[in-house]
Amino acid sequence: MNEFKKGEKFKFDAEVEYASGSIVSKNVLKNSVGNVSLFAFDKNEGLSEHTAPFDAMVQIIDGQAEIIIDGKSHYLKSGETIIMPADIPHALKAMEPFKMILTMIRG
């Protein structure tokens, strides 16, 4: 299972490495009520516009990203967070290599 060990200390930014021309992801926690995932995006990588049935919180932990929500660009850097609303189109683009934590709670 691609999930973090419980009861053990970790540091998010050290748990996933950048890969040239790729997006790397790891499940931190995943269950029936939601999931927390860790991602590393190489520069110019991204996720095309899509919707999700639940709110999703993005926390940037390294680098910078463009988060597009309902056609509006938001530029986030390390330490900044945004909530992407349920059922609203959104996309992500790596302005430079960046890492993020994605938290989605089904509700």
Protein backbone atom coordinates (compact mmCIF):
# COMPACT_ATOMS: atom_id res chain seq x y z
CA MET A 1 0.00 0.00 0.00
CA ASN A 2 1.29 3.44 -0.96
CA GLU A 3 0.44 5.08 2.39
CA PHE A 4 2.55 6.60 5.16
CA LYS A 5 3.26 4.56 8.30
CA LYS A 6 1.17 5.63 11.26
CA GLY A 7 2.87 6.50 14.55
CA GLU A 8 6.12 7.52 12.85
CA LYS A 9 7.47 11.04 12.41
CA PHE A 10 7.98 12.38 8.89
CA LYS A 11 8.61 15.61 7.02
CA PHE A 12 6.33 16.17 4.00
CA ASP A 13 8.90 17.77 1.71
CA ALA A 14 11.31 14.85 2.20
CA GLU A 15 8.73 12.15 1.46
CA VAL A 16 8.40 12.72 -2.29
CA GLU A 17 11.08 13.56 -4.86
CA TYR A 18 10.83 15.46 -8.12
CA ALA A 19 11.06 13.41 -11.31
CA SER A 20 12.01 14.99 -14.63
CA GLY A 21 8.94 15.69 -16.78
CA SER A 22 6.61 13.97 -14.32
CA ILE A 23 4.14 14.22 -11.47
CA VAL A 24 4.85 11.98 -8.47
CA SER A 25 2.22 11.26 -5.81
CA LYS A 26 1.95 9.35 -2.53
CA ASN A 27 -1.06 8.68 -0.34
CA VAL A 28 -0.58 10.02 3.17
CA LEU A 29 -3.97 8.79 4.41
CA LYS A 30 -6.89 7.33 2.49
CA ASN A 31 -10.20 6.05 3.76
CA SER A 32 -13.95 6.23 3.11
CA VAL A 33 -14.31 9.82 4.41
CA GLY A 34 -11.43 11.36 2.49
CA ASN A 35 -7.79 11.36 1.62
CA VAL A 36 -4.58 13.32 2.04
CA SER A 37 -2.07 13.05 -0.80
CA LEU A 38 1.41 14.42 -1.37
CA PHE A 39 2.47 15.50 -4.88
CA ALA A 40 5.67 16.68 -6.59
CA PHE A 41 5.25 18.38 -9.99
CA ASP A 42 8.17 19.09 -12.29
CA LYS A 43 8.25 22.50 -14.00
CA ASN A 44 5.58 22.89 -16.71
CA GLU A 45 3.68 19.81 -15.51
CA GLY A 46 0.10 20.11 -14.30
CA LEU A 47 -3.40 18.77 -14.10
CA SER A 48 -5.82 19.78 -16.84
CA GLU A 49 -9.13 21.39 -16.00
CA HIS A 50 -11.52 19.06 -14.18
CA THR A 51 -14.09 19.06 -11.38
CA ALA A 52 -14.34 17.08 -8.16
CA PRO A 53 -17.48 16.32 -6.16
CA PHE A 54 -15.89 17.55 -2.91
CA ASP A 55 -13.95 20.60 -1.72
CA ALA A 56 -10.19 20.08 -1.98
CA MET A 57 -7.54 22.00 -0.03
CA VAL A 58 -4.12 22.55 -1.63
CA GLN A 59 -1.14 23.47 0.56
CA ILE A 60 2.06 24.39 -1.28
CA ILE A 61 5.10 23.13 0.64
CA ASP A 62 7.84 23.86 -1.91
CA GLY A 63 8.08 25.98 -5.04
CA GLN A 64 5.29 27.87 -6.83
CA ALA A 65 2.14 26.90 -8.68
CA GLU A 66 -0.69 28.44 -10.63
CA ILE A 67 -4.06 27.18 -9.39
CA ILE A 68 -6.89 28.05 -11.77
CA ILE A 69 -10.39 27.98 -10.27
CA ASP A 70 -13.38 28.74 -12.50
CA GLY A 71 -11.06 30.46 -15.00
CA LYS A 72 -9.33 32.70 -12.42
CA SER A 73 -5.59 32.24 -11.80
CA HIS A 74 -4.20 32.15 -8.28
CA TYR A 75 -0.42 32.13 -7.82
CA LEU A 76 0.66 30.28 -4.68
CA LYS A 77 4.10 29.77 -3.19
CA SER A 78 5.48 27.67 -0.37
CA GLY A 79 3.45 28.16 2.80
CA GLU A 80 0.25 29.26 1.02
CA THR A 81 -3.04 27.37 0.83
CA ILE A 82 -6.24 27.53 -1.21
CA ILE A 83 -9.52 25.61 -1.20
CA MET A 84 -10.86 24.48 -4.56
CA PRO A 85 -14.67 24.35 -4.26
CA ALA A 86 -16.64 21.23 -5.13
CA ASP A 87 -18.10 21.01 -8.64
CA ILE A 88 -16.17 24.09 -9.89
CA PRO A 89 -13.66 23.56 -12.73
CA HIS A 90 -10.04 23.82 -11.62
CA ALA A 91 -6.55 23.11 -12.94
CA LEU A 92 -2.96 23.23 -11.68
CA LYS A 93 0.24 24.29 -13.45
CA ALA A 94 3.82 24.15 -12.18
CA MET A 95 5.50 27.54 -12.70
CA GLU A 96 8.62 25.84 -11.31
CA PRO A 97 8.99 22.46 -9.60
CA PHE A 98 6.57 22.41 -6.66
CA LYS A 99 5.27 20.09 -3.97
CA MET A 100 1.79 20.18 -2.47
CA ILE A 101 -0.44 18.44 0.01
CA LEU A 102 -3.96 17.79 -1.28
CA THR A 103 -6.67 17.18 1.32
CA MET A 104 -10.12 16.07 0.19
CA ILE A 105 -12.90 15.25 2.64
CA ARG A 106 -16.02 13.60 1.32
CA GLY A 107 -19.05 15.11 2.91
